[in-house]
Amino acid sequence: MALLIALAVGLLVGAAPAPAAGLSGAELFSNHCAGCHVNGGNIIRRGQTLKLAALERHGIDGPAGILEIAVAGRGQMAGYGAVLGETGAEAVAAYVWQQALLDWPRG
């Protein structure tokens, strides 16, 4: 009975997104982003890459801008906030910015 009550309360209040705890930004990027953004590119829209020049051209000058897009999405890209969770989205944004600064080294 207690389990049913807990489930009902969870449904009414809203379940928290599945945490991405324990995974690095690189792992989360590999799991959720690399399908479209292989090595910082973009297989859907060539101009919408994660390369430093493209990010800067779109007004992104640090991880915070990447975080906004990762969470809410932009254009054809859906937001991944619910999938990544707060700390996961921050980890992905930091990883993407670091890779952009390093010109997306392959390795």
C-alpha atoms as a PDB file:
ATOM      1  CA  MET A   1       0.000   0.000   0.000  1.00  0.00           C
ATOM      2  CA  ALA A   2       2.819   2.410   0.848  1.00  0.00           C
ATOM      3  CA  LEU A   3       4.348   1.737  -2.573  1.00  0.00           C
ATOM      4  CA  LEU A   4       1.087   2.674  -4.315  1.00  0.00           C
ATOM      5  CA  ILE A   5       0.847   5.895  -2.336  1.00  0.00           C
ATOM      6  CA  ALA A   6       4.452   6.781  -3.166  1.00  0.00           C
ATOM      7  CA  LEU A   7       3.802   6.125  -6.857  1.00  0.00           C
ATOM      8  CA  ALA A   8       0.625   8.217  -6.823  1.00  0.00           C
ATOM      9  CA  VAL A   9       2.393  11.114  -5.114  1.00  0.00           C
ATOM     10  CA  GLY A  10       5.229  10.842  -7.635  1.00  0.00           C
ATOM     11  CA  LEU A  11       2.771  11.052 -10.517  1.00  0.00           C
ATOM     12  CA  LEU A  12       0.990  14.045  -9.038  1.00  0.00           C
ATOM     13  CA  VAL A  13       4.137  15.945  -8.133  1.00  0.00           C
ATOM     14  CA  GLY A  14       6.025  14.921 -11.258  1.00  0.00           C
ATOM     15  CA  ALA A  15       8.783  12.434 -11.473  1.00  0.00           C
ATOM     16  CA  ALA A  16      12.301  13.788 -11.533  1.00  0.00           C
ATOM     17  CA  PRO A  17      14.303  13.161 -14.680  1.00  0.00           C
ATOM     18  CA  ALA A  18      16.500  10.103 -14.658  1.00  0.00           C
ATOM     19  CA  PRO A  19      19.814  11.210 -13.232  1.00  0.00           C
ATOM     20  CA  ALA A  20      22.909  10.993 -15.356  1.00  0.00           C
ATOM     21  CA  ALA A  21      25.001  10.826 -12.188  1.00  0.00           C
ATOM     22  CA  GLY A  22      28.294   9.079 -12.420  1.00  0.00           C
ATOM     23  CA  LEU A  23      28.740   9.613 -16.154  1.00  0.00           C
ATOM     24  CA  SER A  24      31.276  12.069 -17.512  1.00  0.00           C
ATOM     25  CA  GLY A  25      30.490  14.725 -20.066  1.00  0.00           C
ATOM     26  CA  ALA A  26      32.358  12.653 -22.658  1.00  0.00           C
ATOM     27  CA  GLU A  27      30.261   9.562 -21.879  1.00  0.00           C
ATOM     28  CA  LEU A  28      27.002  11.501 -21.972  1.00  0.00           C
ATOM     29  CA  PHE A  29      28.013  13.164 -25.231  1.00  0.00           C
ATOM     30  CA  SER A  30      28.839   9.771 -26.701  1.00  0.00           C
ATOM     31  CA  ASN A  31      25.498   8.339 -25.546  1.00  0.00           C
ATOM     32  CA  HIS A  32      23.198  11.209 -26.520  1.00  0.00           C
ATOM     33  CA  CYS A  33      24.910  13.645 -28.896  1.00  0.00           C
ATOM     34  CA  ALA A  34      27.543  11.917 -31.012  1.00  0.00           C
ATOM     35  CA  GLY A  35      24.939  10.316 -33.268  1.00  0.00           C
ATOM     36  CA  CYS A  36      24.417  13.704 -34.920  1.00  0.00           C
ATOM     37  CA  HIS A  37      27.547  15.557 -33.765  1.00  0.00           C
ATOM     38  CA  VAL A  38      30.348  13.125 -34.660  1.00  0.00           C
ATOM     39  CA  ASN A  39      33.694  14.770 -33.807  1.00  0.00           C
ATOM     40  CA  GLY A  40      31.869  18.077 -33.282  1.00  0.00           C
ATOM     41  CA  GLY A  41      30.294  18.077 -36.743  1.00  0.00           C
ATOM     42  CA  ASN A  42      26.627  17.832 -37.623  1.00  0.00           C
ATOM     43  CA  ILE A  43      25.233  15.168 -39.933  1.00  0.00           C
ATOM     44  CA  ILE A  44      21.848  16.930 -40.215  1.00  0.00           C
ATOM     45  CA  ARG A  45      22.846  20.583 -40.808  1.00  0.00           C
ATOM     46  CA  ARG A  46      26.472  21.208 -41.772  1.00  0.00           C
ATOM     47  CA  GLY A  47      26.542  24.793 -40.513  1.00  0.00           C
ATOM     48  CA  GLN A  48      25.286  23.871 -37.049  1.00  0.00           C
ATOM     49  CA  THR A  49      28.462  22.214 -35.819  1.00  0.00           C
ATOM     50  CA  LEU A  50      30.092  22.293 -32.421  1.00  0.00           C
ATOM     51  CA  LYS A  51      33.335  23.690 -33.822  1.00  0.00           C
ATOM     52  CA  LEU A  52      34.564  26.858 -32.125  1.00  0.00           C
ATOM     53  CA  ALA A  53      34.074  29.112 -35.167  1.00  0.00           C
ATOM     54  CA  ALA A  54      30.478  27.942 -35.630  1.00  0.00           C
ATOM     55  CA  LEU A  55      29.675  28.333 -31.929  1.00  0.00           C
ATOM     56  CA  GLU A  56      31.092  31.860 -31.899  1.00  0.00           C
ATOM     57  CA  ARG A  57      29.246  32.726 -35.127  1.00  0.00           C
ATOM     58  CA  HIS A  58      26.012  31.837 -33.305  1.00  0.00           C
ATOM     59  CA  GLY A  59      26.902  33.963 -30.262  1.00  0.00           C
ATOM     60  CA  ILE A  60      28.060  31.118 -28.036  1.00  0.00           C
ATOM     61  CA  ASP A  61      31.161  32.114 -26.105  1.00  0.00           C
ATOM     62  CA  GLY A  62      31.293  29.514 -23.353  1.00  0.00           C
ATOM     63  CA  PRO A  63      29.673  26.482 -21.764  1.00  0.00           C
ATOM     64  CA  ALA A  64      26.597  28.447 -20.614  1.00  0.00           C
ATOM     65  CA  GLY A  65      25.381  28.941 -24.181  1.00  0.00           C
ATOM     66  CA  ILE A  66      25.902  25.275 -24.948  1.00  0.00           C
ATOM     67  CA  LEU A  67      24.067  24.362 -21.749  1.00  0.00           C
ATOM     68  CA  GLU A  68      20.995  26.357 -22.805  1.00  0.00           C
ATOM     69  CA  ILE A  69      20.824  24.554 -26.147  1.00  0.00           C
ATOM     70  CA  ALA A  70      21.484  21.134 -24.627  1.00  0.00           C
ATOM     71  CA  VAL A  71      18.644  21.614 -22.149  1.00  0.00           C
ATOM     72  CA  ALA A  72      16.005  23.402 -24.236  1.00  0.00           C
ATOM     73  CA  GLY A  73      17.069  22.662 -27.813  1.00  0.00           C
ATOM     74  CA  ARG A  74      17.197  25.045 -30.750  1.00  0.00           C
ATOM     75  CA  GLY A  75      15.906  24.825 -34.292  1.00  0.00           C
ATOM     76  CA  GLN A  76      15.667  21.193 -35.375  1.00  0.00           C
ATOM     77  CA  MET A  77      17.465  19.949 -32.266  1.00  0.00           C
ATOM     78  CA  ALA A  78      15.262  18.849 -29.406  1.00  0.00           C
ATOM     79  CA  GLY A  79      16.198  19.648 -25.823  1.00  0.00           C
ATOM     80  CA  TYR A  80      17.832  16.941 -23.742  1.00  0.00           C
ATOM     81  CA  GLY A  81      17.349  18.458 -20.297  1.00  0.00           C
ATOM     82  CA  ALA A  82      15.085  15.672 -19.075  1.00  0.00           C
ATOM     83  CA  VAL A  83      17.460  13.011 -20.341  1.00  0.00           C
ATOM     84  CA  LEU A  84      20.689  14.548 -19.080  1.00  0.00           C
ATOM     85  CA  GLY A  85      19.502  16.032 -15.800  1.00  0.00           C
ATOM     86  CA  GLU A  86      20.995  19.240 -14.431  1.00  0.00           C
ATOM     87  CA  THR A  87      24.478  17.964 -13.655  1.00  0.00           C
ATOM     88  CA  GLY A  88      24.608  15.870 -16.816  1.00  0.00           C
ATOM     89  CA  ALA A  89      23.739  18.825 -19.038  1.00  0.00           C
ATOM     90  CA  GLU A  90      26.423  20.911 -17.326  1.00  0.00           C
ATOM     91  CA  ALA A  91      28.960  18.121 -17.830  1.00  0.00           C
ATOM     92  CA  VAL A  92      28.104  17.831 -21.535  1.00  0.00           C
ATOM     93  CA  ALA A  93      28.316  21.618 -22.005  1.00  0.00           C
ATOM     94  CA  ALA A  94      31.738  21.744 -20.348  1.00  0.00           C
ATOM     95  CA  TYR A  95      32.934  18.788 -22.434  1.00  0.00           C
ATOM     96  CA  VAL A  96      31.696  20.314 -25.713  1.00  0.00           C
ATOM     97  CA  TRP A  97      33.331  23.668 -24.930  1.00  0.00           C
ATOM     98  CA  GLN A  98      36.619  21.970 -24.011  1.00  0.00           C
ATOM     99  CA  GLN A  99      36.576  19.941 -27.236  1.00  0.00           C
ATOM    100  CA  ALA A 100      35.746  23.043 -29.296  1.00  0.00           C
ATOM    101  CA  LEU A 101      38.715  24.861 -27.788  1.00  0.00           C
ATOM    102  CA  LEU A 102      40.917  21.880 -28.704  1.00  0.00           C
ATOM    103  CA  ASP A 103      39.458  21.733 -32.251  1.00  0.00           C
ATOM    104  CA  TRP A 104      37.783  18.387 -31.535  1.00  0.00           C
ATOM    105  CA  PRO A 105      40.826  16.119 -31.445  1.00  0.00           C
ATOM    106  CA  ARG A 106      40.163  12.592 -32.596  1.00  0.00           C
ATOM    107  CA  GLY A 107      41.225   9.981 -30.164  1.00  0.00           C
END
